[in-house]
Amino acid sequence: MVSQIFRGNMNDPYFALTFDDGPHHVPLENWLEALEQCGAVGTFFFTGEWIDRHPDKARMIIERGHELAPHSYYHRRMAEIPKDVFLEEIKQTELAYQEATGKSCPTFMRFPYLSFREENLDWLSELGYVDIEGDDSGDWAGLTSEQIIENVTPFFKNGAIVVFHANDAAKGTPGSLKALIRKGREKGLKPVKVSEILTGLDMTPSERTWKISIDVPTPEKITHTIQTWQVVKNKEELQILAQQSMEWGIAQAPTGMDSENKWLNQLSEPLTVNGLTEDRDLFVGWVMANEYWGYARIARKDNELILLDFATREAQADAMVYLLRWTAKKAIELGCTKISATREMRRLEKMCDQLGWDSVIELDN
């Protein structure tokens, strides 16, 4: 398996603009708007730590038509760490990505500082990953837009991959992008995502998905507060849930024109995730003080209850505990022995640990 790519197919008239790290103080929109004003897309190799700190911005990258990919978790020099730390960096980045975006993490990445040793590439291959390298713009040194344009212009050839940064040091990069995109197009090149670069090399991009798998506890371990969860039975109740949950600020709810009606339509149709379809008899809402404070959408497969989607009005972790206890109680009633979820996995794992329940975060095959 090819584990490292420096450029795309030399017969294809395209190039990829890629951006490393993730800014904390300089607005990310500076990069996005510069690309979008020219009708271009970018691939953003951002750290898991950045994604955890800015999940709304991680979603925004994808929603605006760009691509997000891993860049380790803590931005370590990967050539300097042992295999167990290396694998943990990859895992935690994938979890951050999945929890922030609701999507599986793509299996291509870039090493921070372009720092790697041959052994690192072997470890990536074991995971089914590809390392994406490219031509260095030098913008990490805080260059001006003019200097970046001068550096990058010679790189524009079929299949070029250009390495930029989207961080607080690369302030000159957004100002260089329009001119560079025009220069690329003058040479007959189209800006594309890295996934398209891989497709042009006959390397179909893959993804990795994680889930938390929880052993249903004995009834003796389902104690204390559960709160009131009841089936959302009819259109009137759905409409109330849609209206109230729109105010929670949750990632699942759409924004923009006619968003409330779109959200009602989403809640009204059975949800299908990875081939599993929601059981509408298990679509429940948490009711408190005559209002909805949460919901859960659940599928059942063999001996497992799968939390396809859930959200709560407040972000406190005890809401996760209420959901876990209700789901465990329902699992016992239905004769299920497992509960699983692909959202909020790390918080659910922590709550299971505090409850004394057995759980594990594992790859979802």
Protein backbone atom coordinates (compact mmCIF):
# COMPACT_ATOMS: atom_id res chain seq x y z
CA MET A 1 0.00 0.00 0.00
CA VAL A 2 1.23 3.52 -0.85
CA SER A 3 1.53 5.35 2.49
CA GLN A 4 2.80 8.74 1.35
CA ILE A 5 1.75 11.16 -1.39
CA PHE A 6 3.69 14.23 -2.51
CA ARG A 7 1.58 15.13 -5.56
CA GLY A 8 -1.43 13.97 -7.53
CA ASN A 9 -1.74 12.45 -10.97
CA MET A 10 0.58 14.41 -13.28
CA ASN A 11 -1.90 13.91 -16.13
CA ASP A 12 -4.75 15.64 -14.29
CA PRO A 13 -5.06 19.45 -14.49
CA TYR A 14 -5.74 20.19 -10.84
CA PHE A 15 -4.00 21.33 -7.68
CA ALA A 16 -4.82 21.16 -3.96
CA LEU A 17 -4.55 24.03 -1.48
CA THR A 18 -3.98 22.59 2.00
CA PHE A 19 -3.79 24.31 5.38
CA ASP A 20 -2.28 23.01 8.62
CA ASP A 21 -2.89 23.51 12.38
CA GLY A 22 -5.99 25.68 13.10
CA PRO A 23 -6.11 29.33 14.26
CA HIS A 24 -7.19 30.38 17.74
CA HIS A 25 -7.08 34.19 17.54
CA VAL A 26 -7.11 35.05 13.83
CA PRO A 27 -10.59 34.29 12.39
CA LEU A 28 -10.77 31.07 10.39
CA GLU A 29 -13.16 32.88 8.06
CA ASN A 30 -10.20 34.85 6.66
CA TRP A 31 -9.04 31.67 4.90
CA LEU A 32 -12.48 30.34 4.01
CA GLU A 33 -13.72 33.58 2.48
CA ALA A 34 -10.56 34.08 0.43
CA LEU A 35 -11.06 30.62 -1.07
CA GLU A 36 -14.79 30.95 -1.58
CA GLN A 37 -14.65 34.34 -3.24
CA CYS A 38 -12.66 32.62 -6.00
CA GLY A 39 -14.89 29.54 -6.09
CA ALA A 40 -12.11 27.36 -4.64
CA VAL A 41 -12.05 24.67 -1.98
CA GLY A 42 -9.38 23.80 0.55
CA THR A 43 -8.33 20.85 2.70
CA PHE A 44 -7.66 21.74 6.34
CA PHE A 45 -5.32 19.47 8.30
CA PHE A 46 -6.21 20.53 11.84
CA THR A 47 -5.27 19.05 15.20
CA GLY A 48 -7.69 17.10 17.35
CA GLU A 49 -7.05 19.57 20.16
CA TRP A 50 -8.20 22.43 17.90
CA ILE A 51 -11.30 20.46 16.87
CA ASP A 52 -12.17 19.82 20.52
CA ARG A 53 -11.80 23.52 21.30
CA HIS A 54 -13.71 24.70 18.21
CA PRO A 55 -16.26 22.02 17.22
CA ASP A 56 -18.57 24.61 15.66
CA LYS A 57 -15.78 25.80 13.37
CA ALA A 58 -14.88 22.22 12.48
CA ARG A 59 -18.46 21.71 11.32
CA MET A 60 -18.39 25.02 9.48
CA ILE A 61 -15.41 23.93 7.36
CA ILE A 62 -17.36 20.92 6.07
CA GLU A 63 -20.72 22.70 5.79
CA ARG A 64 -19.11 25.34 3.56
CA GLY A 65 -17.86 22.68 1.15
CA HIS A 66 -14.25 22.31 2.28
CA GLU A 67 -12.47 19.28 3.71
CA LEU A 68 -11.20 18.58 7.23
CA ALA A 69 -8.54 15.97 7.96
CA PRO A 70 -6.25 14.91 10.86
CA HIS A 71 -2.99 16.60 11.86
CA SER A 72 -2.30 14.61 15.09
CA TYR A 73 -3.96 15.60 18.37
CA TYR A 74 -1.40 17.74 20.22
CA HIS A 75 0.78 18.76 17.22
CA ARG A 76 3.65 16.60 18.41
CA ARG A 77 6.73 15.85 16.35
CA MET A 78 5.62 12.36 15.44
CA ALA A 79 9.18 11.24 14.65
CA GLU A 80 10.02 11.65 18.35
CA ILE A 81 7.25 9.62 20.00
CA PRO A 82 6.82 5.87 20.61
CA LYS A 83 4.19 3.78 18.87
CA ASP A 84 1.67 3.73 21.72
CA VAL A 85 1.66 7.55 21.90
CA PHE A 86 1.52 7.76 18.09
CA LEU A 87 -1.55 5.52 17.94
CA GLU A 88 -3.23 7.39 20.80
CA GLU A 89 -2.67 10.69 18.94
CA ILE A 90 -4.44 9.24 15.90
CA LYS A 91 -7.29 7.76 17.94
CA GLN A 92 -7.99 10.93 19.93
CA THR A 93 -7.97 13.02 16.76
CA GLU A 94 -10.47 10.66 15.13
CA LEU A 95 -12.73 10.80 18.19
CA ALA A 96 -12.57 14.61 18.25
CA TYR A 97 -13.41 14.72 14.54
CA GLN A 98 -16.34 12.32 14.80
CA GLU A 99 -17.82 13.91 17.90
CA ALA A 100 -17.55 17.44 16.49
CA THR A 101 -18.80 16.78 12.97
CA GLY A 102 -21.00 13.70 13.34
CA LYS A 103 -19.01 12.16 10.47
CA SER A 104 -16.42 9.40 10.24
CA CYS A 105 -12.81 10.56 10.08
CA PRO A 106 -11.00 10.32 6.72
CA THR A 107 -7.85 8.16 6.69
CA PHE A 108 -5.39 10.65 5.29
CA MET A 109 -3.36 13.05 7.39
CA ARG A 110 -0.30 15.28 7.51
CA PHE A 111 2.53 15.09 10.02
CA PRO A 112 3.09 18.26 12.09
CA TYR A 113 6.33 19.98 11.06
CA LEU A 114 6.49 17.35 8.28
CA SER A 115 8.30 15.37 11.00
CA PHE A 116 8.27 11.59 10.55
CA ARG A 117 10.52 8.55 10.33
CA GLU A 118 10.09 5.49 8.15
CA GLU A 119 8.58 3.55 11.04
CA ASN A 120 5.77 6.13 11.33
CA LEU A 121 4.74 5.38 7.75
CA ASP A 122 4.54 1.67 8.56
CA TRP A 123 2.27 2.45 11.51
CA LEU A 124 0.04 4.59 9.29
CA SER A 125 -0.23 1.78 6.74
CA GLU A 126 -1.36 -0.59 9.49
CA LEU A 127 -4.26 1.81 10.13
CA GLY A 128 -5.05 2.19 6.43
CA TYR A 129 -3.80 5.78 6.41
CA VAL A 130 -1.99 7.86 3.79
CA ASP A 131 0.37 10.72 4.66
CA ILE A 132 -0.17 13.80 2.47
CA GLU A 133 2.94 15.89 1.87
CA GLY A 134 3.44 18.62 -0.74
CA ASP A 135 5.32 21.78 -1.67
CA ASP A 136 6.00 24.07 1.31
CA SER A 137 4.83 27.68 0.90
CA GLY A 138 7.05 28.81 3.79
CA ASP A 139 4.16 30.82 5.27
CA TRP A 140 4.83 29.32 8.72
CA ALA A 141 7.66 31.87 9.04
CA GLY A 142 5.18 34.76 9.01
CA LEU A 143 5.87 35.77 5.40
CA THR A 144 3.99 38.56 3.69
CA SER A 145 1.37 37.78 1.05
CA GLU A 146 3.76 38.93 -1.65
CA GLN A 147 6.52 36.59 -0.44
CA ILE A 148 4.09 33.66 -0.30
CA ILE A 149 2.90 34.33 -3.85
CA GLU A 150 6.51 34.41 -5.06
CA ASN A 151 7.30 31.12 -3.29
CA VAL A 152 4.23 29.23 -4.47
CA THR A 153 3.84 30.33 -8.10
CA PRO A 154 6.54 27.91 -9.40
CA PHE A 155 4.70 24.96 -7.81
CA PHE A 156 1.69 25.17 -10.12
CA LYS A 157 1.86 22.01 -12.20
CA ASN A 158 -0.58 19.15 -12.73
CA GLY A 159 -1.33 17.40 -9.45
CA ALA A 160 0.41 19.99 -7.24
CA ILE A 161 -0.26 19.89 -3.48
CA VAL A 162 0.65 23.14 -1.73
CA VAL A 163 1.27 23.25 2.03
CA PHE A 164 0.00 26.42 3.72
CA HIS A 165 -0.94 27.11 7.32
CA ALA A 166 -4.13 28.38 8.89
CA ASN A 167 -2.78 29.49 12.23
CA ASP A 168 -2.07 32.68 14.13
CA ALA A 169 1.43 33.02 12.63
CA ALA A 170 0.40 32.73 8.98
CA LYS A 171 -1.34 36.09 8.77
CA GLY A 172 -0.12 36.69 5.22
CA THR A 173 -1.65 33.53 3.80
CA PRO A 174 -5.29 34.61 3.30
CA GLY A 175 -4.15 37.67 1.36
CA SER A 176 -2.12 35.51 -1.01
CA LEU A 177 -4.84 33.05 -1.95
CA LYS A 178 -6.84 34.99 -4.54
CA ALA A 179 -3.76 35.82 -6.59
CA LEU A 180 -2.50 32.24 -6.35
CA ILE A 181 -5.83 30.72 -7.36
CA ARG A 182 -5.91 33.02 -10.39
CA LYS A 183 -2.35 32.02 -11.30
CA GLY A 184 -3.27 28.35 -11.05
CA ARG A 185 -6.30 28.82 -13.28
CA GLU A 186 -4.24 30.77 -15.80
CA LYS A 187 -2.23 27.55 -16.20
CA GLY A 188 -5.42 25.58 -16.75
CA LEU A 189 -5.50 24.07 -13.26
CA LYS A 190 -8.56 23.54 -11.08
CA PRO A 191 -8.38 23.76 -7.24
CA VAL A 192 -9.67 20.52 -5.65
CA LYS A 193 -9.77 18.72 -2.33
CA VAL A 194 -7.14 16.18 -1.31
CA SER A 195 -9.77 13.43 -1.53
CA GLU A 196 -10.04 14.22 -5.26
CA ILE A 197 -6.25 14.08 -5.56
CA LEU A 198 -6.36 10.55 -4.10
CA THR A 199 -9.21 9.52 -6.38
CA GLY A 200 -7.14 10.67 -9.36
CA LEU A 201 -4.40 8.30 -8.16
CA ASP A 202 -6.92 5.40 -7.98
CA MET A 203 -6.74 5.53 -4.18
CA THR A 204 -10.32 5.59 -2.91
CA PRO A 205 -10.38 7.60 0.34
CA SER A 206 -11.60 5.57 3.31
CA GLU A 207 -12.85 6.46 6.79
CA ARG A 208 -12.70 5.13 10.35
CA THR A 209 -15.68 5.14 12.70
CA TRP A 210 -15.63 4.67 16.48
CA LYS A 211 -18.38 3.72 18.89
CA ILE A 212 -18.78 3.31 22.60
CA SER A 213 -20.05 -0.13 23.56
CA ILE A 214 -21.66 -0.38 27.00
CA ASP A 215 -22.58 -3.56 28.84
CA VAL A 216 -26.13 -3.19 30.10
CA PRO A 217 -25.79 -3.12 33.89
CA THR A 218 -27.82 -5.14 36.36
CA PRO A 219 -30.98 -3.45 37.71
CA GLU A 220 -29.18 -2.88 41.01
CA LYS A 221 -26.80 -0.48 39.26
CA ILE A 222 -29.58 1.63 37.75
CA THR A 223 -30.30 3.74 40.79
CA HIS A 224 -31.12 7.34 41.64
CA THR A 225 -32.47 9.94 39.18
CA ILE A 226 -33.59 8.90 35.71
CA GLN A 227 -36.00 11.77 34.93
CA THR A 228 -39.15 11.35 32.85
CA TRP A 229 -38.64 10.09 29.30
CA GLN A 230 -41.69 9.45 27.14
CA VAL A 231 -42.33 8.41 23.56
CA VAL A 232 -42.84 11.28 21.09
CA LYS A 233 -46.05 9.93 19.65
CA ASN A 234 -47.69 12.38 17.28
CA LYS A 235 -47.19 15.37 15.01
CA GLU A 236 -48.22 17.86 17.67
CA GLU A 237 -45.59 16.60 20.10
CA LEU A 238 -43.00 16.52 17.31
CA GLN A 239 -43.74 20.13 16.49
CA ILE A 240 -43.32 21.17 20.13
CA LEU A 241 -40.03 19.24 20.37
CA ALA A 242 -38.77 20.81 17.13
CA GLN A 243 -39.62 24.33 18.26
CA GLN A 244 -38.11 23.93 21.70
CA SER A 245 -34.97 22.06 20.64
CA MET A 246 -34.20 24.74 18.02
CA GLU A 247 -33.38 26.97 20.99
CA TRP A 248 -30.82 24.57 22.49
CA GLY A 249 -28.00 25.48 20.12
CA ILE A 250 -27.31 21.85 19.21
CA ALA A 251 -25.21 20.85 16.21
CA GLN A 252 -27.92 18.64 14.70
CA ALA A 253 -30.41 21.46 14.15
CA PRO A 254 -30.13 23.30 10.81
CA THR A 255 -29.61 27.04 10.54
CA GLY A 256 -30.60 29.66 8.01
CA MET A 257 -33.73 30.11 5.96
CA ASP A 258 -36.72 27.96 7.02
CA SER A 259 -34.53 26.09 9.52
CA GLU A 260 -37.37 25.37 11.96
CA ASN A 261 -39.45 23.65 9.29
CA LYS A 262 -36.42 21.72 8.05
CA TRP A 263 -35.73 20.53 11.59
CA LEU A 264 -39.34 19.42 12.04
CA ASN A 265 -39.06 17.42 8.81
CA GLN A 266 -35.84 15.79 10.00
CA LEU A 267 -37.42 14.80 13.30
CA SER A 268 -40.54 13.54 11.54
CA GLU A 269 -38.76 10.98 9.37
CA PRO A 270 -37.11 7.78 10.66
CA LEU A 271 -33.37 8.36 10.99
CA THR A 272 -30.98 5.97 9.21
CA VAL A 273 -27.30 5.84 10.20
CA ASN A 274 -24.83 3.35 8.73
CA GLY A 275 -27.68 1.19 7.47
CA LEU A 276 -29.50 1.14 10.83
CA THR A 277 -32.98 2.67 10.90
CA GLU A 278 -34.56 4.26 13.93
CA ASP A 279 -37.32 2.46 15.81
CA ARG A 280 -39.99 5.16 16.11
CA ASP A 281 -41.45 3.41 19.15
CA LEU A 282 -38.16 4.26 20.88
CA PHE A 283 -38.09 7.95 19.88
CA VAL A 284 -38.29 9.52 23.32
CA GLY A 285 -38.16 12.99 24.85
CA TRP A 286 -37.06 13.99 28.32
CA VAL A 287 -39.87 16.09 29.82
CA MET A 288 -39.36 18.38 32.80
CA ALA A 289 -41.40 21.39 33.95
CA ASN A 290 -43.80 20.75 31.03
CA GLU A 291 -41.04 21.28 28.45
CA TYR A 292 -38.64 19.10 26.52
CA TRP A 293 -35.12 18.96 27.95
CA GLY A 294 -33.75 16.26 25.69
CA TYR A 295 -34.49 13.59 23.11
CA ALA A 296 -33.06 10.26 21.96
CA ARG A 297 -33.48 8.42 18.65
CA ILE A 298 -32.75 4.72 18.94
CA ALA A 299 -32.36 1.66 16.73
CA ARG A 300 -32.34 -1.96 17.79
CA LYS A 301 -30.17 -4.67 16.27
CA ASP A 302 -30.10 -8.17 17.74
CA ASN A 303 -29.18 -7.73 21.43
CA GLU A 304 -28.05 -4.11 21.10
CA LEU A 305 -29.74 -0.73 21.52
CA ILE A 306 -28.03 1.90 19.38
CA LEU A 307 -28.30 5.59 20.26
CA LEU A 308 -28.38 7.01 16.73
CA ASP A 309 -28.87 10.58 17.87
CA PHE A 310 -29.51 12.40 21.12
CA ALA A 311 -29.29 15.90 22.53
CA THR A 312 -30.11 17.77 25.71
CA ARG A 313 -31.13 21.32 26.50
CA GLU A 314 -28.23 21.73 28.91
CA ALA A 315 -24.69 20.51 28.31
CA GLN A 316 -24.04 19.24 31.84
CA ALA A 317 -22.81 15.68 31.99
CA ASP A 318 -25.55 14.62 34.41
CA ALA A 319 -27.93 14.80 31.44
CA MET A 320 -25.85 11.98 29.93
CA VAL A 321 -26.39 10.00 33.14
CA TYR A 322 -30.18 10.43 32.92
CA LEU A 323 -30.07 9.21 29.32
CA LEU A 324 -27.83 6.26 30.17
CA ARG A 325 -30.07 5.12 33.03
CA TRP A 326 -33.25 5.35 30.93
CA THR A 327 -31.61 3.50 28.02
CA ALA A 328 -30.28 0.78 30.32
CA LYS A 329 -33.70 0.31 31.88
CA LYS A 330 -35.29 0.04 28.43
CA ALA A 331 -32.56 -2.38 27.30
CA ILE A 332 -33.37 -4.68 30.21
CA GLU A 333 -37.08 -4.55 29.35
CA LEU A 334 -36.29 -5.53 25.75
CA GLY A 335 -33.79 -8.24 26.67
CA CYS A 336 -30.79 -6.37 25.22
CA THR A 337 -27.30 -6.76 26.68
CA LYS A 338 -25.46 -3.90 24.90
CA ILE A 339 -25.89 -0.17 24.36
CA SER A 340 -23.82 1.69 21.78
CA ALA A 341 -23.41 5.22 20.46
CA THR A 342 -21.17 7.12 18.05
CA ARG A 343 -21.75 10.56 19.59
CA GLU A 344 -20.37 12.04 22.83
CA MET A 345 -18.34 8.87 23.29
CA ARG A 346 -15.71 10.23 25.65
CA ARG A 347 -18.26 11.87 27.94
CA LEU A 348 -20.41 8.74 27.97
CA GLU A 349 -17.34 6.66 28.81
CA LYS A 350 -16.52 8.93 31.74
CA MET A 351 -20.07 8.76 33.06
CA CYS A 352 -20.08 4.96 32.73
CA ASP A 353 -16.86 4.86 34.71
CA GLN A 354 -18.41 6.96 37.47
CA LEU A 355 -21.52 4.78 37.48
CA GLY A 356 -19.42 1.62 37.71
CA TRP A 357 -20.66 0.34 34.33
CA ASP A 358 -18.40 -1.49 31.90
CA SER A 359 -17.78 0.29 28.59
CA VAL A 360 -15.16 0.51 25.84
CA ILE A 361 -14.57 2.88 22.92
CA GLU A 362 -13.75 0.70 19.93
CA LEU A 363 -13.72 0.78 16.15
CA ASP A 364 -17.16 0.26 14.65
CA ASN A 365 -16.69 -2.37 11.96
